[in-house]
Amino acid sequence: MRDCRSYRAICILGQLPISADIWEKRAAYAEKGNGLAILLGHNAQPLTSFQEDAAVKVLGGKLTRQTRSGGELYFSPSSDDHPLTAPFRGIEANVPWNAFPVYYHGNLDELAPSARTIIPYGNNKPALVENRLGRGKVLVMTTPLTDPLQPRGRAFRTEPWLCGDRW
């Protein structure tokens, strides 16, 4: 196992349900000034495990629903004041966001005062959220950026990637 304390930032793809003590370790990691990116996907079930206080503290909101769309949903950045959206400054009107449909996403609702939507979807639901925890930040993407749902011939891990103290 790896010791996560030696990393300044960690990205978790397809977050699986985890216990409250693991969420608390992730919060403590971010609070010390580190970065954490969590890209939610089809593994984020059951939803109740992402609605517990420890998870909500890290995510910056409550994951209330998983939604499939028919491809009519897309990213709809409305501001370029964040370092992640700044590269689009001056060309935002020329990016055909509707040509890049989102077919599956989670609804992150009841955002905490420490959280803000960096990129919304066309329906104004959060696509990318930044949550400040102590001296650190947590980025939460509400749609998977990895493989399509249940790709053929690929087994999914049933255990999350763990660091030295099982987080």
N, C-alpha and C. Protein backbone atom coordinates (compact mmCIF):
# COMPACT_ATOMS: atom_id res chain seq x y z
N MET A 1 0.82 -1.18 0.00
CA MET A 1 0.00 0.00 0.00
C MET A 1 0.87 1.25 0.00
N ARG A 2 0.30 2.32 -0.46
CA ARG A 2 1.04 3.58 -0.55
C ARG A 2 0.67 4.51 0.59
N ASP A 3 1.59 5.37 0.91
CA ASP A 3 1.35 6.37 1.94
C ASP A 3 0.90 7.66 1.23
N CYS A 4 -0.37 8.00 1.34
CA CYS A 4 -0.95 9.15 0.64
C CYS A 4 -0.42 10.48 1.15
N ARG A 5 0.14 10.48 2.34
CA ARG A 5 0.64 11.75 2.90
C ARG A 5 1.78 12.34 2.08
N SER A 6 2.43 11.53 1.25
CA SER A 6 3.54 12.04 0.46
C SER A 6 3.07 12.71 -0.83
N TYR A 7 1.77 12.69 -1.12
CA TYR A 7 1.22 13.31 -2.32
C TYR A 7 0.55 14.63 -1.98
N ARG A 8 0.69 15.62 -2.86
CA ARG A 8 0.03 16.93 -2.67
C ARG A 8 -1.40 16.90 -3.18
N ALA A 9 -1.68 15.97 -4.09
CA ALA A 9 -3.04 15.85 -4.64
C ALA A 9 -3.28 14.41 -5.04
N ILE A 10 -4.53 14.01 -4.91
CA ILE A 10 -4.94 12.66 -5.26
C ILE A 10 -6.23 12.75 -6.06
N CYS A 11 -6.34 11.93 -7.10
CA CYS A 11 -7.55 11.87 -7.92
C CYS A 11 -8.14 10.47 -7.78
N ILE A 12 -9.42 10.41 -7.48
CA ILE A 12 -10.12 9.15 -7.31
C ILE A 12 -11.18 9.03 -8.40
N LEU A 13 -11.01 8.05 -9.28
CA LEU A 13 -11.94 7.84 -10.39
C LEU A 13 -12.98 6.80 -10.00
N GLY A 14 -14.25 7.08 -10.28
CA GLY A 14 -15.31 6.11 -10.04
C GLY A 14 -15.44 5.73 -8.58
N GLN A 15 -15.55 6.72 -7.72
CA GLN A 15 -15.60 6.52 -6.27
C GLN A 15 -16.62 5.46 -5.86
N LEU A 16 -16.16 4.49 -5.11
CA LEU A 16 -17.02 3.46 -4.52
C LEU A 16 -17.52 3.95 -3.16
N PRO A 17 -18.60 3.37 -2.64
CA PRO A 17 -19.02 3.71 -1.27
C PRO A 17 -17.90 3.34 -0.29
N ILE A 18 -17.68 4.21 0.69
CA ILE A 18 -16.67 3.96 1.71
C ILE A 18 -17.25 4.34 3.07
N SER A 19 -16.58 3.91 4.11
CA SER A 19 -17.07 4.16 5.46
C SER A 19 -16.80 5.60 5.88
N ALA A 20 -17.50 6.03 6.92
CA ALA A 20 -17.35 7.39 7.44
C ALA A 20 -15.92 7.68 7.86
N ASP A 21 -15.23 6.72 8.44
CA ASP A 21 -13.86 6.99 8.88
C ASP A 21 -12.92 7.23 7.70
N ILE A 22 -13.19 6.63 6.56
CA ILE A 22 -12.38 6.88 5.36
C ILE A 22 -12.67 8.29 4.83
N TRP A 23 -13.96 8.68 4.81
CA TRP A 23 -14.30 10.05 4.40
C TRP A 23 -13.60 11.05 5.32
N GLU A 24 -13.57 10.76 6.62
CA GLU A 24 -12.93 11.66 7.58
C GLU A 24 -11.43 11.78 7.33
N LYS A 25 -10.79 10.69 6.94
CA LYS A 25 -9.36 10.73 6.60
C LYS A 25 -9.14 11.58 5.35
N ARG A 26 -10.04 11.48 4.40
CA ARG A 26 -9.93 12.30 3.20
C ARG A 26 -10.13 13.78 3.53
N ALA A 27 -11.07 14.07 4.42
CA ALA A 27 -11.28 15.47 4.84
C ALA A 27 -10.03 15.99 5.52
N ALA A 28 -9.44 15.22 6.42
CA ALA A 28 -8.23 15.64 7.13
C ALA A 28 -7.08 15.88 6.14
N TYR A 29 -6.97 15.04 5.13
CA TYR A 29 -5.94 15.19 4.09
C TYR A 29 -6.09 16.54 3.40
N ALA A 30 -7.32 16.87 2.99
CA ALA A 30 -7.56 18.14 2.30
C ALA A 30 -7.35 19.32 3.24
N GLU A 31 -7.82 19.21 4.46
CA GLU A 31 -7.73 20.31 5.42
C GLU A 31 -6.29 20.75 5.67
N LYS A 32 -5.34 19.85 5.46
CA LYS A 32 -3.92 20.16 5.67
C LYS A 32 -3.32 20.93 4.49
N GLY A 33 -4.15 21.23 3.48
CA GLY A 33 -3.66 21.99 2.35
C GLY A 33 -3.45 21.18 1.09
N ASN A 34 -3.91 19.96 1.08
CA ASN A 34 -3.76 19.10 -0.08
C ASN A 34 -4.98 19.19 -0.99
N GLY A 35 -4.82 18.66 -2.19
CA GLY A 35 -5.91 18.63 -3.15
C GLY A 35 -6.45 17.22 -3.32
N LEU A 36 -7.74 17.15 -3.52
CA LEU A 36 -8.40 15.87 -3.71
C LEU A 36 -9.42 16.05 -4.83
N ALA A 37 -9.36 15.19 -5.82
CA ALA A 37 -10.35 15.21 -6.90
C ALA A 37 -11.11 13.90 -6.85
N ILE A 38 -12.43 13.99 -6.87
CA ILE A 38 -13.28 12.82 -6.84
C ILE A 38 -14.18 12.88 -8.06
N LEU A 39 -14.05 11.90 -8.93
CA LEU A 39 -14.86 11.83 -10.13
C LEU A 39 -15.89 10.74 -9.93
N LEU A 40 -17.12 11.18 -9.69
CA LEU A 40 -18.20 10.24 -9.41
C LEU A 40 -18.60 9.52 -10.68
N GLY A 41 -19.16 8.36 -10.54
CA GLY A 41 -19.62 7.59 -11.68
C GLY A 41 -20.64 6.57 -11.23
N HIS A 42 -20.78 5.52 -12.01
CA HIS A 42 -21.80 4.53 -11.73
C HIS A 42 -21.54 3.74 -10.45
N ASN A 43 -20.33 3.79 -9.90
CA ASN A 43 -20.03 3.10 -8.64
C ASN A 43 -20.56 3.84 -7.42
N ALA A 44 -21.03 5.05 -7.58
CA ALA A 44 -21.50 5.87 -6.46
C ALA A 44 -22.89 5.43 -6.02
N GLN A 45 -22.99 4.19 -5.60
CA GLN A 45 -24.25 3.62 -5.13
C GLN A 45 -23.96 2.67 -3.98
N PRO A 46 -24.82 2.55 -3.02
CA PRO A 46 -26.10 3.23 -2.90
C PRO A 46 -25.90 4.71 -2.54
N LEU A 47 -26.83 5.50 -2.98
CA LEU A 47 -26.73 6.94 -2.77
C LEU A 47 -26.65 7.32 -1.30
N THR A 48 -27.29 6.55 -0.44
CA THR A 48 -27.31 6.88 0.99
C THR A 48 -25.89 6.95 1.56
N SER A 49 -24.96 6.15 1.00
CA SER A 49 -23.59 6.19 1.52
C SER A 49 -22.88 7.49 1.15
N PHE A 50 -23.41 8.23 0.17
CA PHE A 50 -22.84 9.52 -0.23
C PHE A 50 -23.64 10.68 0.35
N GLN A 51 -24.58 10.37 1.23
CA GLN A 51 -25.40 11.39 1.86
C GLN A 51 -25.13 11.52 3.36
N GLU A 52 -24.25 10.69 3.85
CA GLU A 52 -23.90 10.76 5.26
C GLU A 52 -23.04 12.00 5.51
N ASP A 53 -23.06 12.51 6.72
CA ASP A 53 -22.38 13.76 7.06
C ASP A 53 -20.91 13.78 6.66
N ALA A 54 -20.19 12.68 6.89
CA ALA A 54 -18.76 12.65 6.57
C ALA A 54 -18.52 12.78 5.07
N ALA A 55 -19.37 12.15 4.26
CA ALA A 55 -19.24 12.24 2.80
C ALA A 55 -19.62 13.63 2.32
N VAL A 56 -20.70 14.18 2.85
CA VAL A 56 -21.17 15.51 2.45
C VAL A 56 -20.11 16.56 2.78
N LYS A 57 -19.42 16.40 3.89
CA LYS A 57 -18.36 17.35 4.26
C LYS A 57 -17.27 17.39 3.19
N VAL A 58 -16.89 16.24 2.66
CA VAL A 58 -15.84 16.18 1.64
C VAL A 58 -16.37 16.62 0.28
N LEU A 59 -17.53 16.11 -0.11
CA LEU A 59 -18.09 16.40 -1.43
C LEU A 59 -18.58 17.84 -1.55
N GLY A 60 -18.96 18.43 -0.43
CA GLY A 60 -19.49 19.79 -0.47
C GLY A 60 -20.97 19.85 -0.80
N GLY A 61 -21.61 18.71 -0.84
CA GLY A 61 -23.04 18.63 -1.12
C GLY A 61 -23.50 17.20 -0.98
N LYS A 62 -24.78 17.02 -1.19
CA LYS A 62 -25.40 15.71 -1.03
C LYS A 62 -25.69 15.12 -2.40
N LEU A 63 -25.18 13.91 -2.66
CA LEU A 63 -25.48 13.21 -3.91
C LEU A 63 -26.89 12.63 -3.78
N THR A 64 -27.83 13.22 -4.49
CA THR A 64 -29.23 12.87 -4.29
C THR A 64 -29.82 11.95 -5.34
N ARG A 65 -29.14 11.84 -6.47
CA ARG A 65 -29.75 11.06 -7.54
C ARG A 65 -28.72 10.78 -8.62
N GLN A 66 -28.86 9.65 -9.31
CA GLN A 66 -28.07 9.31 -10.50
C GLN A 66 -29.02 9.40 -11.68
N THR A 67 -28.62 10.08 -12.73
CA THR A 67 -29.52 10.35 -13.85
C THR A 67 -28.88 9.97 -15.17
N ARG A 68 -29.64 9.31 -16.01
CA ARG A 68 -29.23 9.06 -17.40
C ARG A 68 -30.00 10.04 -18.26
N SER A 69 -29.30 10.66 -19.19
CA SER A 69 -29.99 11.57 -20.10
C SER A 69 -29.85 11.01 -21.50
N GLY A 70 -30.65 11.50 -22.38
CA GLY A 70 -30.63 11.02 -23.76
C GLY A 70 -29.60 11.74 -24.61
N GLY A 71 -28.65 12.40 -23.98
CA GLY A 71 -27.62 13.12 -24.73
C GLY A 71 -27.94 14.59 -24.93
N GLU A 72 -29.05 15.06 -24.32
CA GLU A 72 -29.40 16.48 -24.45
C GLU A 72 -28.71 17.36 -23.41
N LEU A 73 -27.97 16.75 -22.49
CA LEU A 73 -27.29 17.49 -21.44
C LEU A 73 -25.82 17.69 -21.82
N TYR A 74 -25.25 18.83 -21.47
CA TYR A 74 -23.86 19.15 -21.79
C TYR A 74 -23.33 20.14 -20.77
N PHE A 75 -21.99 20.27 -20.73
CA PHE A 75 -21.38 21.27 -19.87
C PHE A 75 -21.76 22.65 -20.38
N SER A 76 -21.94 23.57 -19.45
CA SER A 76 -22.32 24.92 -19.83
C SER A 76 -21.58 25.93 -18.95
N PRO A 77 -20.24 26.05 -19.14
CA PRO A 77 -19.48 26.99 -18.31
C PRO A 77 -20.01 28.40 -18.45
N SER A 78 -20.21 29.06 -17.33
CA SER A 78 -20.77 30.41 -17.37
C SER A 78 -19.80 31.46 -16.85
N SER A 79 -18.62 31.00 -16.39
CA SER A 79 -17.65 31.93 -15.84
C SER A 79 -16.25 31.43 -16.17
N ASP A 80 -15.34 32.35 -16.36
CA ASP A 80 -13.95 31.96 -16.62
C ASP A 80 -13.03 32.49 -15.53
N ASP A 81 -13.58 32.64 -14.31
CA ASP A 81 -12.79 33.20 -13.22
C ASP A 81 -12.07 32.16 -12.36
N HIS A 82 -12.11 30.90 -12.77
CA HIS A 82 -11.43 29.83 -12.04
C HIS A 82 -10.25 29.34 -12.88
N PRO A 83 -9.17 28.91 -12.26
CA PRO A 83 -8.03 28.42 -13.04
C PRO A 83 -8.37 27.30 -14.02
N LEU A 84 -9.38 26.50 -13.72
CA LEU A 84 -9.76 25.42 -14.64
C LEU A 84 -10.54 25.92 -15.85
N THR A 85 -11.21 27.04 -15.71
CA THR A 85 -11.98 27.57 -16.84
C THR A 85 -11.28 28.74 -17.54
N ALA A 86 -10.24 29.27 -16.92
CA ALA A 86 -9.51 30.41 -17.50
C ALA A 86 -8.98 30.16 -18.91
N PRO A 87 -8.53 28.95 -19.26
CA PRO A 87 -8.05 28.74 -20.63
C PRO A 87 -9.10 28.99 -21.70
N PHE A 88 -10.38 29.00 -21.33
CA PHE A 88 -11.45 29.25 -22.30
C PHE A 88 -11.77 30.73 -22.44
N ARG A 89 -11.11 31.56 -21.63
CA ARG A 89 -11.34 33.00 -21.68
C ARG A 89 -11.08 33.52 -23.09
N GLY A 90 -12.03 34.20 -23.63
CA GLY A 90 -11.88 34.77 -24.97
C GLY A 90 -12.37 33.86 -26.09
N ILE A 91 -12.52 32.57 -25.81
CA ILE A 91 -13.01 31.66 -26.85
C ILE A 91 -14.29 30.94 -26.43
N GLU A 92 -14.78 31.25 -25.22
CA GLU A 92 -15.93 30.50 -24.68
C GLU A 92 -17.13 30.48 -25.61
N ALA A 93 -17.36 31.54 -26.35
CA ALA A 93 -18.51 31.57 -27.25
C ALA A 93 -18.30 30.68 -28.47
N ASN A 94 -17.06 30.28 -28.72
CA ASN A 94 -16.76 29.45 -29.89
C ASN A 94 -16.67 27.96 -29.58
N VAL A 95 -16.80 27.58 -28.32
CA VAL A 95 -16.73 26.17 -27.95
C VAL A 95 -18.12 25.57 -28.07
N PRO A 96 -18.28 24.56 -28.94
CA PRO A 96 -19.61 23.95 -29.13
C PRO A 96 -19.91 22.91 -28.04
N TRP A 97 -20.16 23.39 -26.82
CA TRP A 97 -20.36 22.48 -25.70
C TRP A 97 -21.47 21.47 -25.98
N ASN A 98 -22.50 21.85 -26.70
CA ASN A 98 -23.60 20.92 -26.97
C ASN A 98 -23.20 19.78 -27.90
N ALA A 99 -22.01 19.84 -28.49
CA ALA A 99 -21.51 18.75 -29.33
C ALA A 99 -20.85 17.65 -28.48
N PHE A 100 -20.78 17.87 -27.17
CA PHE A 100 -20.17 16.92 -26.26
C PHE A 100 -21.19 16.52 -25.19
N PRO A 101 -22.14 15.67 -25.55
CA PRO A 101 -23.22 15.34 -24.62
C PRO A 101 -22.76 14.53 -23.41
N VAL A 102 -23.49 14.72 -22.32
CA VAL A 102 -23.30 13.96 -21.09
C VAL A 102 -24.49 13.02 -20.98
N TYR A 103 -24.22 11.74 -20.86
CA TYR A 103 -25.28 10.74 -20.83
C TYR A 103 -25.61 10.24 -19.42
N TYR A 104 -24.72 10.47 -18.48
CA TYR A 104 -24.91 9.94 -17.13
C TYR A 104 -24.27 10.90 -16.14
N HIS A 105 -25.01 11.26 -15.10
CA HIS A 105 -24.45 12.16 -14.09
C HIS A 105 -25.19 12.00 -12.78
N GLY A 106 -24.54 12.45 -11.72
CA GLY A 106 -25.17 12.49 -10.41
C GLY A 106 -25.59 13.92 -10.10
N ASN A 107 -26.62 14.06 -9.30
CA ASN A 107 -27.05 15.39 -8.86
C ASN A 107 -26.43 15.65 -7.49
N LEU A 108 -25.58 16.66 -7.43
CA LEU A 108 -24.98 17.08 -6.17
C LEU A 108 -25.77 18.30 -5.71
N ASP A 109 -26.61 18.10 -4.71
CA ASP A 109 -27.52 19.14 -4.26
C ASP A 109 -27.16 19.61 -2.85
N GLU A 110 -27.86 20.65 -2.40
CA GLU A 110 -27.67 21.21 -1.07
C GLU A 110 -26.20 21.54 -0.82
N LEU A 111 -25.61 22.30 -1.76
CA LEU A 111 -24.19 22.64 -1.63
C LEU A 111 -23.92 23.43 -0.36
N ALA A 112 -22.80 23.09 0.26
CA ALA A 112 -22.37 23.76 1.48
C ALA A 112 -21.88 25.18 1.15
N PRO A 113 -21.85 26.07 2.13
CA PRO A 113 -21.30 27.42 1.89
C PRO A 113 -19.84 27.38 1.42
N SER A 114 -19.12 26.32 1.76
CA SER A 114 -17.71 26.18 1.36
C SER A 114 -17.55 25.69 -0.08
N ALA A 115 -18.66 25.35 -0.73
CA ALA A 115 -18.61 24.78 -2.08
C ALA A 115 -19.18 25.74 -3.11
N ARG A 116 -18.64 25.66 -4.32
CA ARG A 116 -19.19 26.46 -5.40
C ARG A 116 -19.13 25.65 -6.69
N THR A 117 -20.09 25.88 -7.54
CA THR A 117 -20.11 25.24 -8.84
C THR A 117 -19.14 25.98 -9.75
N ILE A 118 -18.20 25.25 -10.30
CA ILE A 118 -17.25 25.83 -11.25
C ILE A 118 -17.80 25.71 -12.67
N ILE A 119 -18.34 24.54 -12.98
CA ILE A 119 -18.95 24.32 -14.30
C ILE A 119 -20.32 23.67 -14.07
N PRO A 120 -21.39 24.31 -14.52
CA PRO A 120 -22.71 23.68 -14.45
C PRO A 120 -23.01 22.95 -15.76
N TYR A 121 -24.04 22.13 -15.71
CA TYR A 121 -24.62 21.56 -16.92
C TYR A 121 -25.58 22.60 -17.50
N GLY A 122 -26.11 22.31 -18.67
CA GLY A 122 -27.08 23.21 -19.30
C GLY A 122 -28.34 23.38 -18.48
N ASN A 123 -28.64 22.44 -17.56
CA ASN A 123 -29.81 22.55 -16.70
C ASN A 123 -29.48 23.21 -15.36
N ASN A 124 -28.29 23.79 -15.24
CA ASN A 124 -27.78 24.48 -14.06
C ASN A 124 -27.44 23.58 -12.89
N LYS A 125 -27.52 22.27 -13.04
CA LYS A 125 -27.04 21.36 -11.99
C LYS A 125 -25.52 21.36 -12.03
N PRO A 126 -24.86 21.17 -10.89
CA PRO A 126 -23.39 21.19 -10.88
C PRO A 126 -22.77 20.03 -11.64
N ALA A 127 -21.83 20.35 -12.52
CA ALA A 127 -21.02 19.33 -13.19
C ALA A 127 -19.68 19.19 -12.46
N LEU A 128 -19.07 20.34 -12.15
CA LEU A 128 -17.80 20.36 -11.43
C LEU A 128 -17.94 21.33 -10.26
N VAL A 129 -17.64 20.83 -9.07
CA VAL A 129 -17.78 21.60 -7.84
C VAL A 129 -16.42 21.66 -7.15
N GLU A 130 -16.11 22.83 -6.59
CA GLU A 130 -14.93 22.98 -5.76
C GLU A 130 -15.40 23.22 -4.33
N ASN A 131 -14.89 22.41 -3.42
CA ASN A 131 -15.22 22.54 -2.01
C ASN A 131 -13.94 22.83 -1.25
N ARG A 132 -13.95 23.92 -0.49
CA ARG A 132 -12.78 24.28 0.31
C ARG A 132 -12.90 23.63 1.69
N LEU A 133 -11.85 22.91 2.04
CA LEU A 133 -11.78 22.28 3.36
C LEU A 133 -10.47 22.73 4.00
N GLY A 134 -10.56 23.52 5.05
CA GLY A 134 -9.35 24.02 5.69
C GLY A 134 -8.49 24.75 4.69
N ARG A 135 -7.22 24.34 4.56
CA ARG A 135 -6.31 24.96 3.61
C ARG A 135 -6.32 24.27 2.25
N GLY A 136 -7.13 23.23 2.08
CA GLY A 136 -7.14 22.47 0.85
C GLY A 136 -8.44 22.59 0.07
N LYS A 137 -8.46 21.90 -1.05
CA LYS A 137 -9.63 21.93 -1.93
C LYS A 137 -9.97 20.52 -2.39
N VAL A 138 -11.26 20.32 -2.58
CA VAL A 138 -11.77 19.08 -3.15
C VAL A 138 -12.53 19.44 -4.41
N LEU A 139 -12.16 18.82 -5.53
CA LEU A 139 -12.92 18.97 -6.77
C LEU A 139 -13.78 17.73 -6.94
N VAL A 140 -15.04 17.95 -7.26
CA VAL A 140 -15.97 16.83 -7.46
C VAL A 140 -16.58 16.96 -8.85
N MET A 141 -16.37 15.93 -9.67
CA MET A 141 -17.00 15.86 -11.00
C MET A 141 -18.17 14.90 -10.87
N THR A 142 -19.34 15.34 -11.30
CA THR A 142 -20.55 14.54 -11.09
C THR A 142 -20.85 13.59 -12.24
N THR A 143 -19.99 13.53 -13.24
CA THR A 143 -20.16 12.58 -14.33
C THR A 143 -18.86 11.80 -14.49
N PRO A 144 -18.95 10.54 -14.89
CA PRO A 144 -17.71 9.78 -15.06
C PRO A 144 -16.92 10.30 -16.26
N LEU A 145 -15.62 10.32 -16.13
CA LEU A 145 -14.75 10.72 -17.23
C LEU A 145 -13.95 9.52 -17.74
N THR A 146 -14.30 8.35 -17.26
CA THR A 146 -13.55 7.16 -17.63
C THR A 146 -14.38 6.31 -18.59
N ASP A 147 -14.34 5.03 -18.41
CA ASP A 147 -15.00 4.10 -19.31
C ASP A 147 -16.51 4.25 -19.33
N PRO A 148 -17.13 3.82 -20.42
CA PRO A 148 -18.60 3.80 -20.43
C PRO A 148 -19.11 2.84 -19.35
N LEU A 149 -20.36 3.01 -19.00
CA LEU A 149 -20.96 2.16 -17.98
C LEU A 149 -20.87 0.70 -18.38
N GLN A 150 -20.26 -0.11 -17.52
CA GLN A 150 -20.14 -1.55 -17.69
C GLN A 150 -19.58 -1.96 -19.06
N PRO A 151 -18.36 -1.54 -19.42
CA PRO A 151 -17.81 -1.97 -20.71
C PRO A 151 -17.62 -3.47 -20.75
N ARG A 152 -17.87 -4.07 -21.88
CA ARG A 152 -17.75 -5.53 -22.03
C ARG A 152 -16.32 -5.98 -21.84
N GLY A 153 -16.18 -7.11 -21.16
CA GLY A 153 -14.87 -7.71 -21.00
C GLY A 153 -13.98 -7.06 -19.97
N ARG A 154 -14.49 -6.11 -19.24
CA ARG A 154 -13.67 -5.44 -18.24
C ARG A 154 -14.28 -5.64 -16.87
N ALA A 155 -13.50 -6.21 -15.99
CA ALA A 155 -13.96 -6.39 -14.61
C ALA A 155 -13.68 -5.11 -13.83
N PHE A 156 -14.59 -4.70 -12.99
CA PHE A 156 -14.40 -3.53 -12.16
C PHE A 156 -13.83 -3.95 -10.82
N ARG A 157 -12.98 -3.10 -10.28
CA ARG A 157 -12.45 -3.37 -8.95
C ARG A 157 -13.57 -3.24 -7.94
N THR A 158 -13.55 -4.11 -6.98
CA THR A 158 -14.55 -4.02 -5.93
C THR A 158 -14.00 -3.33 -4.69
N GLU A 159 -12.69 -3.08 -4.66
CA GLU A 159 -12.05 -2.37 -3.57
C GLU A 159 -11.51 -1.06 -4.10
N PRO A 160 -11.66 0.03 -3.40
CA PRO A 160 -11.04 1.28 -3.86
C PRO A 160 -9.52 1.20 -3.73
N TRP A 161 -8.83 2.02 -4.50
CA TRP A 161 -7.39 2.12 -4.35
C TRP A 161 -7.12 2.69 -2.98
N LEU A 162 -6.31 2.02 -2.25
CA LEU A 162 -6.11 2.38 -0.85
C LEU A 162 -4.69 2.84 -0.58
N CYS A 163 -4.56 3.76 0.32
CA CYS A 163 -3.26 4.19 0.78
C CYS A 163 -2.96 3.49 2.08
N GLY A 164 -1.79 3.77 2.62
CA GLY A 164 -1.26 3.06 3.77
C GLY A 164 -2.20 2.83 4.93
N ASP A 165 -3.03 3.78 5.27
CA ASP A 165 -3.92 3.58 6.41
C ASP A 165 -5.35 3.35 5.96
N ARG A 166 -5.51 2.61 4.88
CA ARG A 166 -6.80 2.19 4.31
C ARG A 166 -7.72 3.35 4.01
N TRP A 167 -7.24 4.27 3.20
CA TRP A 167 -8.18 5.30 2.77
C TRP A 167 -8.14 5.47 1.31
